C-alpha atoms as a PDB file:
ATOM      1  CA  MET A   1      -7.995  -0.473  22.290  1.00  0.00           C
ATOM      2  CA  ASN A   2      -7.210  -3.805  21.646  1.00  0.00           C
ATOM      3  CA  ARG A   3      -3.854  -4.575  24.865  1.00  0.00           C
ATOM      4  CA  VAL A   4      -1.572  -6.288  22.454  1.00  0.00           C
ATOM      5  CA  THR A   5       2.037  -8.221  24.297  1.00  0.00           C
ATOM      6  CA  VAL A   6       4.593  -8.028  21.204  1.00  0.00           C
ATOM      7  CA  THR A   7       8.133  -8.929  21.413  1.00  0.00           C
ATOM      8  CA  ILE A   8      10.328  -6.464  19.422  1.00  0.00           C
ATOM      9  CA  ALA A   9      14.731  -7.305  19.467  1.00  0.00           C
ATOM     10  CA  GLU A  10      13.529  -9.428  22.541  1.00  0.00           C
ATOM     11  CA  ARG A  11      12.133  -6.870  24.345  1.00  0.00           C
ATOM     12  CA  GLN A  12       8.188  -7.626  25.757  1.00  0.00           C
ATOM     13  CA  PHE A  13       5.701  -4.433  24.710  1.00  0.00           C
ATOM     14  CA  THR A  14       2.092  -4.149  25.898  1.00  0.00           C
ATOM     15  CA  LEU A  15       0.124  -2.389  23.233  1.00  0.00           C
ATOM     16  CA  LEU A  16      -2.688  -0.450  23.139  1.00  0.00           C
ATOM     17  CA  ALA A  17      -4.449  -0.794  19.417  1.00  0.00           C
ATOM     18  CA  ASP A  18      -7.832  -0.211  17.599  1.00  0.00           C
ATOM     19  CA  GLU A  19      -6.501  -2.655  14.594  1.00  0.00           C
ATOM     20  CA  GLU A  20      -7.067  -6.172  15.672  1.00  0.00           C
ATOM     21  CA  THR A  21      -4.560  -7.854  17.438  1.00  0.00           C
ATOM     22  CA  THR A  22      -3.078  -9.943  14.545  1.00  0.00           C
ATOM     23  CA  ASP A  23      -2.974  -7.228  12.838  1.00  0.00           C
ATOM     24  CA  THR A  24      -0.043  -4.990  15.184  1.00  0.00           C
ATOM     25  CA  GLN A  25       1.478  -8.724  15.654  1.00  0.00           C
ATOM     26  CA  LYS A  26       2.066  -8.610  11.973  1.00  0.00           C
ATOM     27  CA  VAL A  27       3.564  -4.762  12.145  1.00  0.00           C
ATOM     28  CA  ALA A  28       5.982  -6.001  15.192  1.00  0.00           C
ATOM     29  CA  ALA A  29       6.952  -9.303  13.562  1.00  0.00           C
ATOM     30  CA  TYR A  30       8.191  -7.022  10.641  1.00  0.00           C
ATOM     31  CA  VAL A  31       9.739  -4.398  12.746  1.00  0.00           C
ATOM     32  CA  ASP A  32      11.120  -7.363  14.070  1.00  0.00           C
ATOM     33  CA  GLY A  33      11.752  -8.771  11.143  1.00  0.00           C
ATOM     34  CA  LYS A  34      13.958  -6.370  10.067  1.00  0.00           C
ATOM     35  CA  LEU A  35      15.754  -5.542  12.609  1.00  0.00           C
ATOM     36  CA  ALA A  36      17.141  -8.954  12.639  1.00  0.00           C
ATOM     37  CA  GLU A  37      18.477  -8.367   9.275  1.00  0.00           C
ATOM     38  CA  LEU A  38      20.449  -5.753  10.332  1.00  0.00           C
ATOM     39  CA  THR A  39      22.172  -7.589  12.982  1.00  0.00           C
ATOM     40  CA  ALA A  40      23.039 -10.165  11.472  1.00  0.00           C
ATOM     41  CA  GLN A  41      25.228  -8.234   9.454  1.00  0.00           C
ATOM     42  CA  GLY A  42      26.632  -6.597  12.339  1.00  0.00           C
ATOM     43  CA  THR A  43      24.908  -3.550  12.819  1.00  0.00           C
ATOM     44  CA  PRO A  44      27.328  -1.693  16.306  1.00  0.00           C
ATOM     45  CA  SER A  45      24.183  -1.053  18.842  1.00  0.00           C
ATOM     46  CA  LEU A  46      21.051  -2.061  18.419  1.00  0.00           C
ATOM     47  CA  VAL A  47      19.708   1.679  18.889  1.00  0.00           C
ATOM     48  CA  ASP A  48      22.086   1.945  14.799  1.00  0.00           C
ATOM     49  CA  ALA A  49      19.435  -1.486  13.732  1.00  0.00           C
ATOM     50  CA  CYS A  50      16.765   0.531  15.552  1.00  0.00           C
ATOM     51  CA  ILE A  51      17.482   3.546  13.342  1.00  0.00           C
ATOM     52  CA  LEU A  52      18.233   1.946   9.804  1.00  0.00           C
ATOM     53  CA  ALA A  53      15.384  -0.428  10.156  1.00  0.00           C
ATOM     54  CA  SER A  54      13.285   2.984  10.514  1.00  0.00           C
ATOM     55  CA  MET A  55      14.919   4.527   7.347  1.00  0.00           C
ATOM     56  CA  ASN A  56      14.333   1.030   5.461  1.00  0.00           C
ATOM     57  CA  ILE A  57      10.839   0.864   6.186  1.00  0.00           C
ATOM     58  CA  THR A  58       9.944   4.245   5.845  1.00  0.00           C
ATOM     59  CA  GLN A  59      11.548   3.655   2.358  1.00  0.00           C
ATOM     60  CA  GLU A  60       9.918   1.046   1.960  1.00  0.00           C
ATOM     61  CA  LEU A  61       6.797   3.334   2.754  1.00  0.00           C
ATOM     62  CA  PHE A  62       7.072   6.435   0.449  1.00  0.00           C
ATOM     63  CA  ARG A  63       8.089   4.091  -2.615  1.00  0.00           C
ATOM     64  CA  GLU A  64       4.494   1.717  -2.014  1.00  0.00           C
ATOM     65  CA  GLN A  65       2.909   5.609  -1.434  1.00  0.00           C
ATOM     66  CA  GLU A  66       4.542   6.858  -5.162  1.00  0.00           C
ATOM     67  CA  SER A  67       3.584   2.737  -6.445  1.00  0.00           C
ATOM     68  CA  SER A  68      -0.012   3.444  -5.396  1.00  0.00           C
ATOM     69  CA  ASP A  69      -0.255   7.323  -6.710  1.00  0.00           C
ATOM     70  CA  ASN A  70       0.564   6.079  -9.987  1.00  0.00           C
ATOM     71  CA  LEU A  71      -1.839   3.219 -10.082  1.00  0.00           C
ATOM     72  CA  ARG A  72      -5.110   5.872  -9.482  1.00  0.00           C
ATOM     73  CA  ARG A  73      -3.928   8.139 -11.449  1.00  0.00           C
ATOM     74  CA  GLN A  74      -3.918   5.036 -14.098  1.00  0.00           C
ATOM     75  CA  LEU A  75      -6.851   4.379 -13.374  1.00  0.00           C
ATOM     76  CA  LYS A  76      -8.400   7.659 -13.273  1.00  0.00           C
ATOM     77  CA  GLU A  77      -7.565   7.577 -17.096  1.00  0.00           C
ATOM     78  CA  TYR A  78      -8.478   4.358 -17.339  1.00  0.00           C
ATOM     79  CA  LEU A  79     -11.907   5.486 -16.299  1.00  0.00           C
ATOM     80  CA  GLU A  80     -11.614   8.473 -18.031  1.00  0.00           C
ATOM     81  CA  GLU A  81     -11.223   7.161 -21.570  1.00  0.00           C
ATOM     82  CA  SER A  82     -13.818   4.218 -21.064  1.00  0.00           C
ATOM     83  CA  THR A  83     -16.305   7.651 -20.613  1.00  0.00           C
ATOM     84  CA  LYS A  84     -15.070   8.977 -23.665  1.00  0.00           C
ATOM     85  CA  LEU A  85     -15.447   5.585 -25.658  1.00  0.00           C
ATOM     86  CA  LYS A  86     -19.081   5.267 -24.247  1.00  0.00           C
ATOM     87  CA  LEU A  87     -19.929   8.677 -25.668  1.00  0.00           C
ATOM     88  CA  GLU A  88     -18.210   7.946 -28.549  1.00  0.00           C
ATOM     89  CA  LEU A  89     -19.897   3.988 -29.181  1.00  0.00           C
ATOM     90  CA  SER A  90     -23.856   6.001 -28.035  1.00  0.00           C
ATOM     91  CA  GLU A  91     -22.723   8.119 -31.073  1.00  0.00           C
ATOM     92  CA  ALA A  92     -22.025   5.847 -33.201  1.00  0.00           C
ATOM     93  CA  LYS A  93     -25.485   3.659 -32.384  1.00  0.00           C
ATOM     94  CA  ARG A  94     -27.620   7.228 -32.569  1.00  0.00           C
ATOM     95  CA  GLU A  95     -25.048   7.693 -36.407  1.00  0.00           C
ATOM     96  CA  ILE A  96     -26.230   3.626 -37.390  1.00  0.00           C
ATOM     97  CA  PHE A  97     -30.157   4.222 -36.084  1.00  0.00           C
ATOM     98  CA  ALA A  98     -30.381   7.249 -37.998  1.00  0.00           C
ATOM     99  CA  LEU A  99     -28.505   5.679 -40.922  1.00  0.00           C
ATOM    100  CA  LYS A 100     -31.487   2.901 -40.614  1.00  0.00           C
ATOM    101  CA  GLY A 101     -34.636   5.035 -40.568  1.00  0.00           C
ATOM    102  CA  LYS A 102     -33.767   6.113 -44.411  1.00  0.00           C
ATOM    103  CA  LYS A 103     -34.085   3.405 -45.640  1.00  0.00           C
END
């Protein structure tokens, strides 16, 4: 476990993290940036900003997960198509060798 001190909304937090210190700092900086965007837009309170930032970040997460699922589906389809084409190529080679043997 790594101890990491981060600053979010001008408050310091000391966290225990399994990941690298830089990963935790990146996450904290991202959250801090989202909060800063909301407070700059005039969000009434830090609590409101935290809730809205949480909603925005979660929405981003869900979109990325959906995108990732779509990419996995496409990759699976491409792999299946590749396997099918390899079988067709193999069959075509057999037919070519068979035709050459008949001459």
